Each structure stands twice: as C-alpha cells, then as structure tokens.
N, C-alpha and C. Protein backbone atom coordinates (compact mmCIF):
# COMPACT_ATOMS: atom_id res chain seq x y z
N MET A 1 14.03 -4.64 56.56
CA MET A 1 12.72 -4.45 56.07
C MET A 1 12.28 -5.90 55.86
N ALA A 2 10.67 -6.37 56.01
CA ALA A 2 10.25 -7.26 55.59
C ALA A 2 10.09 -7.31 54.53
N LYS A 3 9.26 -8.72 53.46
CA LYS A 3 8.69 -8.89 52.53
C LYS A 3 7.55 -9.33 52.97
N VAL A 4 6.65 -8.51 52.40
CA VAL A 4 5.05 -9.09 52.60
C VAL A 4 4.07 -9.48 52.17
N LEU A 5 3.31 -10.40 51.98
CA LEU A 5 2.34 -10.35 51.36
C LEU A 5 0.98 -10.06 51.75
N ILE A 6 0.18 -9.46 51.01
CA ILE A 6 -0.89 -8.67 51.44
C ILE A 6 -2.09 -9.68 51.01
N VAL A 7 -2.98 -10.16 51.84
CA VAL A 7 -4.18 -10.89 51.28
C VAL A 7 -5.50 -10.05 51.48
N ASP A 8 -6.57 -9.88 50.79
CA ASP A 8 -7.58 -8.97 50.72
C ASP A 8 -8.10 -8.62 49.23
N ASP A 9 -9.59 -8.93 49.41
CA ASP A 9 -10.35 -9.15 48.05
C ASP A 9 -10.45 -7.90 47.83
N SER A 10 -10.50 -6.63 48.84
CA SER A 10 -10.74 -5.21 48.34
C SER A 10 -9.37 -4.89 47.94
N ALA A 11 -9.24 -3.92 46.48
CA ALA A 11 -7.98 -3.40 45.88
C ALA A 11 -7.67 -2.60 46.82
N ILE A 12 -8.77 -1.22 47.71
CA ILE A 12 -8.64 -0.11 48.28
C ILE A 12 -7.61 -0.60 49.39
N MET A 13 -8.29 -1.58 49.84
CA MET A 13 -7.82 -1.97 51.23
C MET A 13 -5.98 -2.66 51.09
N ARG A 14 -5.78 -3.57 49.76
CA ARG A 14 -4.72 -3.98 49.68
C ARG A 14 -3.76 -2.62 49.17
N ARG A 15 -4.18 -1.66 48.37
CA ARG A 15 -3.39 -0.38 48.18
C ARG A 15 -3.03 0.55 49.50
N ASN A 16 -4.01 0.59 50.12
CA ASN A 16 -3.48 1.30 51.55
C ASN A 16 -2.72 0.37 52.30
N LEU A 17 -3.18 -0.79 52.68
CA LEU A 17 -1.89 -1.53 53.40
C LEU A 17 -0.65 -1.57 52.89
N ALA A 18 -0.34 -1.57 51.66
CA ALA A 18 0.71 -1.29 50.44
C ALA A 18 1.21 0.01 50.79
N ALA A 19 0.67 0.98 50.80
CA ALA A 19 1.09 2.36 51.03
C ALA A 19 1.82 2.49 52.51
N ILE A 20 1.16 2.04 53.85
CA ILE A 20 1.41 1.97 54.77
C ILE A 20 2.34 1.23 55.41
N MET A 21 2.77 -0.02 54.84
CA MET A 21 4.14 -1.20 54.77
C MET A 21 5.03 -0.61 54.22
N GLY A 22 5.08 0.26 53.01
CA GLY A 22 6.34 1.38 52.33
C GLY A 22 6.93 2.21 53.40
N ARG A 23 5.91 2.94 53.90
CA ARG A 23 5.99 4.05 55.00
C ARG A 23 7.17 3.42 56.36
N GLY A 24 6.80 1.99 56.05
CA GLY A 24 7.03 1.63 57.63
C GLY A 24 8.39 0.59 57.21
N GLY A 25 8.92 1.14 56.24
CA GLY A 25 10.14 0.07 55.91
C GLY A 25 10.04 -1.14 55.21
N HIS A 26 8.74 -2.11 55.06
CA HIS A 26 8.51 -2.84 54.36
C HIS A 26 8.06 -3.29 52.60
N GLU A 27 8.17 -4.15 52.30
CA GLU A 27 8.17 -4.01 51.08
C GLU A 27 7.20 -5.34 50.69
N VAL A 28 6.09 -4.89 49.94
CA VAL A 28 5.30 -5.60 49.17
C VAL A 28 5.58 -6.46 48.56
N ILE A 29 5.27 -7.77 48.33
CA ILE A 29 6.50 -8.75 47.32
C ILE A 29 5.03 -9.25 46.54
N GLY A 30 3.79 -9.04 46.79
CA GLY A 30 2.91 -9.69 46.38
C GLY A 30 1.64 -9.77 47.20
N GLU A 31 -0.15 -9.82 46.22
CA GLU A 31 -0.79 -9.68 46.77
C GLU A 31 -1.84 -10.97 46.07
N ALA A 32 -2.82 -11.26 46.96
CA ALA A 32 -3.86 -12.31 46.66
C ALA A 32 -5.12 -11.39 47.14
N LEU A 33 -5.82 -12.13 46.32
CA LEU A 33 -7.56 -11.49 46.29
C LEU A 33 -8.25 -12.63 47.20
N ASN A 34 -7.87 -13.71 47.56
CA ASN A 34 -8.77 -14.61 48.26
C ASN A 34 -7.48 -15.79 49.08
N GLY A 35 -7.93 -17.10 49.41
CA GLY A 35 -7.13 -17.61 50.22
C GLY A 35 -6.89 -18.71 49.47
N MET A 36 -7.19 -18.79 48.47
CA MET A 36 -6.68 -19.80 47.61
C MET A 36 -5.32 -19.44 46.61
N GLN A 37 -5.46 -18.07 45.97
CA GLN A 37 -4.40 -17.26 45.81
C GLN A 37 -3.70 -17.07 46.83
N ALA A 38 -3.80 -16.89 48.35
CA ALA A 38 -2.90 -16.87 49.28
C ALA A 38 -2.23 -18.09 49.16
N LEU A 39 -2.34 -19.22 49.28
CA LEU A 39 -1.50 -20.27 49.49
C LEU A 39 -0.50 -20.22 48.31
N ALA A 40 -1.27 -20.06 47.06
CA ALA A 40 -0.01 -20.08 45.72
C ALA A 40 1.18 -19.42 45.67
N GLU A 41 0.35 -17.72 46.60
CA GLU A 41 1.52 -16.78 46.24
C GLU A 41 2.45 -17.17 47.18
N TYR A 42 2.23 -17.60 48.37
CA TYR A 42 2.94 -17.99 49.39
C TYR A 42 4.12 -18.41 49.18
N GLY A 43 4.00 -19.71 48.59
CA GLY A 43 4.56 -20.71 48.01
C GLY A 43 5.46 -20.51 46.94
N ASN A 44 5.37 -19.16 46.09
CA ASN A 44 6.00 -18.77 45.22
C ASN A 44 7.23 -17.79 45.53
N LEU A 45 6.40 -17.25 46.91
CA LEU A 45 7.43 -15.85 46.77
C LEU A 45 7.79 -15.95 48.49
N HIS A 46 7.48 -16.97 49.54
CA HIS A 46 7.95 -17.15 50.71
C HIS A 46 8.30 -15.78 51.38
N PRO A 47 7.31 -14.95 51.83
CA PRO A 47 7.11 -13.50 52.03
C PRO A 47 7.72 -13.95 54.00
N ASP A 48 7.86 -12.71 54.59
CA ASP A 48 8.34 -13.09 55.78
C ASP A 48 7.30 -12.67 56.92
N ILE A 49 6.36 -12.10 55.87
CA ILE A 49 4.67 -11.70 56.65
C ILE A 49 3.80 -12.07 56.20
N VAL A 50 2.52 -12.34 56.53
CA VAL A 50 1.18 -12.39 55.92
C VAL A 50 0.27 -11.51 56.61
N THR A 51 -0.79 -10.30 55.55
CA THR A 51 -1.56 -10.18 56.35
C THR A 51 -2.37 -10.59 55.37
N MET A 52 -3.82 -10.63 56.26
CA MET A 52 -5.41 -11.63 55.78
C MET A 52 -6.13 -11.20 56.26
N ASP A 53 -7.07 -10.99 55.13
CA ASP A 53 -8.49 -10.80 55.71
C ASP A 53 -9.12 -11.43 56.10
N ILE A 54 -10.03 -11.52 56.82
CA ILE A 54 -10.80 -12.46 57.15
C ILE A 54 -12.02 -12.62 56.16
N THR A 55 -12.88 -12.00 55.86
CA THR A 55 -14.11 -12.22 54.94
C THR A 55 -13.35 -12.15 53.49
N MET A 56 -13.31 -12.91 52.62
CA MET A 56 -13.25 -13.33 51.16
C MET A 56 -13.85 -13.91 50.63
N PRO A 57 -13.86 -13.76 49.53
CA PRO A 57 -14.54 -14.90 48.49
C PRO A 57 -13.70 -16.19 48.20
N LEU A 58 -14.51 -17.44 48.09
CA LEU A 58 -13.90 -18.69 47.83
C LEU A 58 -13.20 -19.17 48.79
N SER A 59 -12.28 -18.87 49.14
CA SER A 59 -11.43 -19.70 50.57
C SER A 59 -11.10 -18.37 51.63
N ASP A 60 -12.30 -18.38 52.92
CA ASP A 60 -12.17 -16.90 53.90
C ASP A 60 -10.57 -17.11 54.37
N GLY A 61 -9.96 -16.13 55.05
CA GLY A 61 -9.01 -15.83 55.69
C GLY A 61 -8.75 -16.98 56.69
N ILE A 62 -9.92 -17.54 57.42
CA ILE A 62 -9.78 -18.72 58.45
C ILE A 62 -9.07 -19.94 57.66
N GLU A 63 -10.19 -20.49 56.70
CA GLU A 63 -9.87 -21.45 55.62
C GLU A 63 -8.52 -21.33 55.45
N ALA A 64 -8.19 -20.55 54.74
CA ALA A 64 -6.75 -19.97 54.47
C ALA A 64 -5.54 -20.07 55.58
N LEU A 65 -5.84 -19.53 56.24
CA LEU A 65 -4.96 -19.52 57.60
C LEU A 65 -4.33 -21.15 57.47
N GLY A 66 -5.69 -21.21 57.79
CA GLY A 66 -5.38 -23.37 58.58
C GLY A 66 -4.72 -24.08 57.52
N LYS A 67 -5.04 -24.22 56.27
CA LYS A 67 -4.04 -24.47 55.21
C LYS A 67 -2.89 -23.94 55.03
N LEU A 68 -2.67 -22.74 55.34
CA LEU A 68 -0.90 -22.50 54.75
C LEU A 68 -0.06 -22.97 56.33
N LEU A 69 -0.84 -22.79 57.29
CA LEU A 69 0.04 -23.19 58.55
C LEU A 69 0.22 -24.53 58.64
N GLY A 70 -0.97 -25.76 57.78
CA GLY A 70 -0.67 -26.93 57.36
C GLY A 70 0.44 -27.03 56.90
N ARG A 71 1.03 -26.14 55.76
CA ARG A 71 2.16 -26.31 54.68
C ARG A 71 3.07 -25.96 55.18
N TYR A 72 3.01 -24.49 56.07
CA TYR A 72 4.20 -23.78 56.37
C TYR A 72 4.11 -23.50 57.59
N PRO A 73 4.35 -23.99 58.30
CA PRO A 73 3.76 -23.75 59.82
C PRO A 73 4.66 -22.89 60.37
N ASP A 74 5.78 -22.53 59.98
CA ASP A 74 6.67 -21.39 60.65
C ASP A 74 5.80 -19.29 59.92
N ALA A 75 4.78 -19.76 59.19
CA ALA A 75 4.08 -18.65 58.30
C ALA A 75 4.04 -17.80 59.70
N ARG A 76 4.05 -16.43 59.19
CA ARG A 76 3.57 -15.17 60.39
C ARG A 76 2.30 -14.36 59.76
N VAL A 77 1.36 -14.88 60.74
CA VAL A 77 0.05 -13.84 59.92
C VAL A 77 -0.44 -13.30 60.33
N VAL A 78 -0.94 -12.10 60.11
CA VAL A 78 -1.83 -11.19 60.85
C VAL A 78 -3.18 -10.85 60.25
N MET A 79 -3.86 -11.56 61.31
CA MET A 79 -5.15 -10.70 60.39
C MET A 79 -6.24 -9.64 60.07
N ILE A 80 -6.87 -9.66 59.22
CA ILE A 80 -7.35 -8.01 59.01
C ILE A 80 -8.81 -8.62 59.19
N SER A 81 -9.60 -7.40 60.07
CA SER A 81 -11.01 -8.01 60.93
C SER A 81 -11.61 -6.94 60.48
N ALA A 82 -12.86 -6.88 60.42
CA ALA A 82 -14.21 -5.66 61.14
C ALA A 82 -14.51 -6.21 62.18
N ILE A 83 -14.67 -5.04 62.89
CA ILE A 83 -14.73 -4.95 64.10
C ILE A 83 -15.98 -6.10 64.75
N ASN A 84 -17.16 -6.04 64.05
CA ASN A 84 -17.68 -7.03 64.25
C ASN A 84 -17.35 -8.51 64.61
N GLN A 85 -16.21 -8.99 64.13
CA GLN A 85 -16.02 -10.05 63.55
C GLN A 85 -14.74 -10.76 64.86
N LYS A 86 -14.99 -10.26 66.03
CA LYS A 86 -14.38 -11.05 67.20
C LYS A 86 -14.44 -12.36 67.08
N ASP A 87 -15.49 -13.16 67.22
CA ASP A 87 -15.34 -14.80 67.22
C ASP A 87 -14.04 -15.24 66.22
N ARG A 88 -14.04 -14.63 64.82
CA ARG A 88 -13.34 -14.97 63.97
C ARG A 88 -11.53 -14.53 63.96
N VAL A 89 -12.01 -13.80 65.01
CA VAL A 89 -10.49 -13.20 65.25
C VAL A 89 -9.55 -14.11 66.25
N PHE A 90 -10.72 -14.47 66.87
CA PHE A 90 -10.33 -15.23 68.55
C PHE A 90 -9.90 -16.89 67.80
N GLU A 91 -10.75 -17.09 66.95
CA GLU A 91 -10.57 -18.42 66.13
C GLU A 91 -9.69 -18.67 65.18
N ALA A 92 -9.40 -17.44 64.48
CA ALA A 92 -7.99 -17.34 63.87
C ALA A 92 -6.57 -17.59 64.93
N ILE A 93 -6.68 -16.62 65.91
CA ILE A 93 -5.36 -16.96 66.95
C ILE A 93 -5.28 -17.90 67.32
N LYS A 94 -6.40 -19.00 67.80
CA LYS A 94 -6.09 -20.36 68.61
C LYS A 94 -5.47 -21.19 67.09
N LEU A 95 -5.87 -20.90 65.78
CA LEU A 95 -5.68 -21.63 64.74
C LEU A 95 -3.98 -21.13 64.37
N GLY A 96 -3.49 -20.21 64.85
CA GLY A 96 -1.81 -19.61 64.59
C GLY A 96 -1.32 -18.43 64.20
N ALA A 97 -3.15 -17.56 64.55
CA ALA A 97 -2.52 -16.41 63.62
C ALA A 97 -1.47 -15.50 64.89
N LYS A 98 -0.68 -14.76 64.41
CA LYS A 98 0.27 -14.21 65.22
C LYS A 98 -0.91 -12.94 65.87
N ASN A 99 -1.22 -12.27 64.97
CA ASN A 99 -1.80 -10.98 65.68
C ASN A 99 -2.83 -10.59 64.88
N TYR A 100 -3.55 -9.47 64.95
CA TYR A 100 -4.51 -8.99 64.70
C TYR A 100 -4.67 -7.62 64.13
N ILE A 101 -5.33 -6.97 63.60
CA ILE A 101 -5.67 -5.59 62.63
C ILE A 101 -7.03 -5.87 62.67
N ILE A 102 -7.73 -4.73 63.32
CA ILE A 102 -9.00 -4.07 63.48
C ILE A 102 -9.12 -3.06 62.24
N LYS A 103 -10.36 -3.40 61.60
CA LYS A 103 -10.65 -2.02 60.52
C LYS A 103 -11.71 -1.04 61.09
N PRO A 104 -12.08 0.02 60.80
CA PRO A 104 -10.47 0.85 60.19
C PRO A 104 -9.54 1.15 61.23
N PHE A 105 -8.50 0.92 60.40
CA PHE A 105 -7.20 0.76 61.12
C PHE A 105 -6.32 2.27 60.87
N GLU A 106 -5.44 2.12 62.31
CA GLU A 106 -4.48 3.08 62.15
C GLU A 106 -2.94 2.80 61.74
N GLU A 107 -2.60 3.72 60.99
CA GLU A 107 -1.29 3.65 60.64
C GLU A 107 -0.38 2.71 61.42
N ASP A 108 -0.09 4.03 62.69
CA ASP A 108 1.03 3.51 63.62
C ASP A 108 0.62 2.18 64.30
N ARG A 109 -0.34 1.89 64.18
CA ARG A 109 -1.10 0.69 65.33
C ARG A 109 -0.30 -0.57 64.37
N VAL A 110 -0.83 -0.45 62.92
CA VAL A 110 -0.25 -1.51 61.92
C VAL A 110 1.04 -1.61 61.84
N ILE A 111 1.85 -0.90 61.34
CA ILE A 111 3.26 -0.72 61.75
C ILE A 111 3.99 -1.14 63.03
N ASN A 112 3.21 -0.80 64.20
CA ASN A 112 3.67 -1.77 65.46
C ASN A 112 2.95 -3.23 65.20
N ILE A 113 2.43 -3.38 65.12
CA ILE A 113 2.06 -4.96 65.18
C ILE A 113 2.49 -5.87 64.26
N ILE A 114 2.79 -5.31 62.88
CA ILE A 114 3.99 -5.91 62.21
C ILE A 114 5.57 -6.13 62.49
N ASN A 115 5.61 -4.92 63.23
CA ASN A 115 6.89 -5.12 64.16
C ASN A 115 7.14 -6.06 64.60
N GLN A 116 5.85 -6.10 65.71
CA GLN A 116 6.08 -6.57 66.63
C GLN A 116 6.49 -8.06 66.12
N VAL A 117 5.52 -8.67 65.28
CA VAL A 117 5.32 -10.01 64.83
C VAL A 117 6.53 -10.43 64.25
N LEU A 118 7.52 -9.40 63.61
CA LEU A 118 8.45 -9.98 63.30
C LEU A 118 10.12 -9.73 63.75
N GLY A 119 9.54 -9.13 65.41
CA GLY A 119 10.67 -9.45 65.88
C GLY A 119 11.55 -8.17 66.36
N LEU A 120 10.88 -6.97 65.74
CA LEU A 120 11.59 -5.96 65.43
C LEU A 120 11.55 -4.63 66.59
N LYS A 121 10.78 -4.95 67.49
CA LYS A 121 10.15 -4.17 68.39
C LYS A 121 10.29 -4.65 69.60
C-alpha cells in the first residue's frame, strides 16, 4: 500500500481519485487544491506518489511539478490531464513526471499506472 497525495482543484476529481486509490489498496494521506498547497503538503506528508492535475489556479501542475522536483528530486508524480492538453503532458514528462492519466479515466488504468510508477507491476 502506497501513501498518495492528490492535487486537483476539483473536489469531485479528488473524491473520485481517492475512491479509486482506496479500491486499489492505496491510502490517500493528503489533498491539495493547487500547486502551492501541493508543495507544502508534500513537505509535511512525504507521500510515496502524487497525482497532479495540470490545470489549477494560482500554481498549475507544470509549475508545481518543476518546484516539487527541484526540492524533492525523487518525488514520483503522475500528471492528470484533459485530452486536449497533450503538449502540456509532454512538457511535464520532460520535467520529470513519471507518467500521466488522461481524463475521463478508467479505474483499472489509473491503478495500473500508479502501480507501475511505484514498481508494483
């Protein structure tokens, strides 16, 4: 079981991801509404993996990813993206994101990607 930090400005998306993580055997130990909160929560919680939405207010996922990996180079981050954000996804992968999930997503795909990044598959 991995400790997960979910970063998304949508309460519905956070709730959906938390339910999927729970069914996949992982524990959500924190949530953040934007990239600035994500940095603070990561420093406090030290999760095993982070799911990070790309589009958020104040500090988007790409900006937050760069700052997070600057402080915590071993952080494992999976980006969450809308289907029309392919360029942003590739930018995130170049910065060091471990993988990505396109919305709307299927539960099995989410768990498979999380487990793959964690080295459980």
